[in-house]
Amino acid sequence: MIESPSEIARRLAENAEAVCRHYLSNGRREGHYWMVGDVRNTPGRSLYVRLTGHGEGRASAGKWTDAASGEHGDLLDIIAASCGHPVFSDTLVEARRFLSLPLKAGHPSGRTRRARTNAGTPEAAQRLWTRSLPFGGSPAAAYLAGRGITDLSGCEWLRFHARCFYRPSADDAPDVRTAWPALIAAVTDEAGAVTGVHRTWLHPNMTGKAPVATPRRAMGQLLGHGIRFGKTGPVMAAGEGIETMLSLRQAMPGMPMIAALSAAHLAALEFPAGLKRLYVACDNDPAGEGAFVRLAGRAGEQDIEAIALLPQRDDFNSDLMAIGLDALTARLGTMLETSDVAKYLQSR
């Protein structure tokens, strides 16, 4: 009997097209890829599954990426989402059945439990959010302090989970733990409704992220939404990562901000009503530059001024850690409009 999830994922990858035809039946093959709308088998072309490939990482067969959301994974994720499995063991049972492998003890009939809430949906995200704990004084706050982030005012959409489930991927060690402490961030729409959550799994000693293949994952409806800090206003800042935007808030705690979670999400961010000027914290890579170009183009169509904030290193948290808050504040002062320097920038 095959017990390892990574071995099952490998066997699924060897039959990637058959898996896609069965679980993503609304898609179709185009060259070396299977194209479909999303992991829940919605018609479209946003998600692509690699059908052939060698080696490791996203270039190998069976790996998928959703260009709209920035999410990625393997074929076990596809089976879990398309079947709506509430627990990972149900996904393994279904995968074994598809591969005609012996079922594990305790599942003689191969039946799976009926999903009360589909994995990855806004409802599942809301359920995780309600089960998480207040953030203030939590171990996750200690983790952020280690990243130079100590001012957490306006961070009501952050929480902590002491044992957040982590589903191992094919890139994880066979004996990786399936529960870790986690920083939980709610993705909301402009009305304040929770549409998704982002999880950052942490090492138990809070000195860094958990030693897993993908320590950051998001679920729910993410496109157009984000993690919000402060109330919306005519001047705001937006960027990709949570720690990037929290680093900027150390220097500009009064400026409303949104973390969109990925370059693709940043480019597709929905503009809050009344927005006149948007500062865009660009990650220092081609994806970050491309996201700014696309977002700035959309902003211009709505008479919103878009201004790039450029880090010296890969992102603003790296800058904060390397040069300190005083130097970061001074540098931001050279990039903001004069009126915004007086209104938002902390005097040091």
Foldseek 3Di string as FASTA:
>chain_A
DDDFPLVLLVVCLQVVVVLCCVLQVLWDDDPQWTAAQDLLNHRDGQKIAGNDADDDDQRHGQKMAGLQQRDIAGSLSSQQQNQQAPDSLLSVLVSCVVVVHDRDPPCVPSDGDRHPGGPQAQVVQVVVQVVFAADPPDLLQVLLVLLVQNDCAQQRQKTKDAWDAADAGSPWDRPDDGTAIWIKGFWADLVRRGFKIKIQGPDPVSPGGDPGPDRIDMGGDQAQIFGKGDHDEQEAEEEADPSQVSLVCVFFVPHIYGHSNFLSRLLRHHDDPNHAEYEYFFFPDPSSVVSQVSNCVVCVVVNHHYFYDYDPHRGSSVVCVPPNDVVSLVSVCVRDDPVCCVVTGDDD
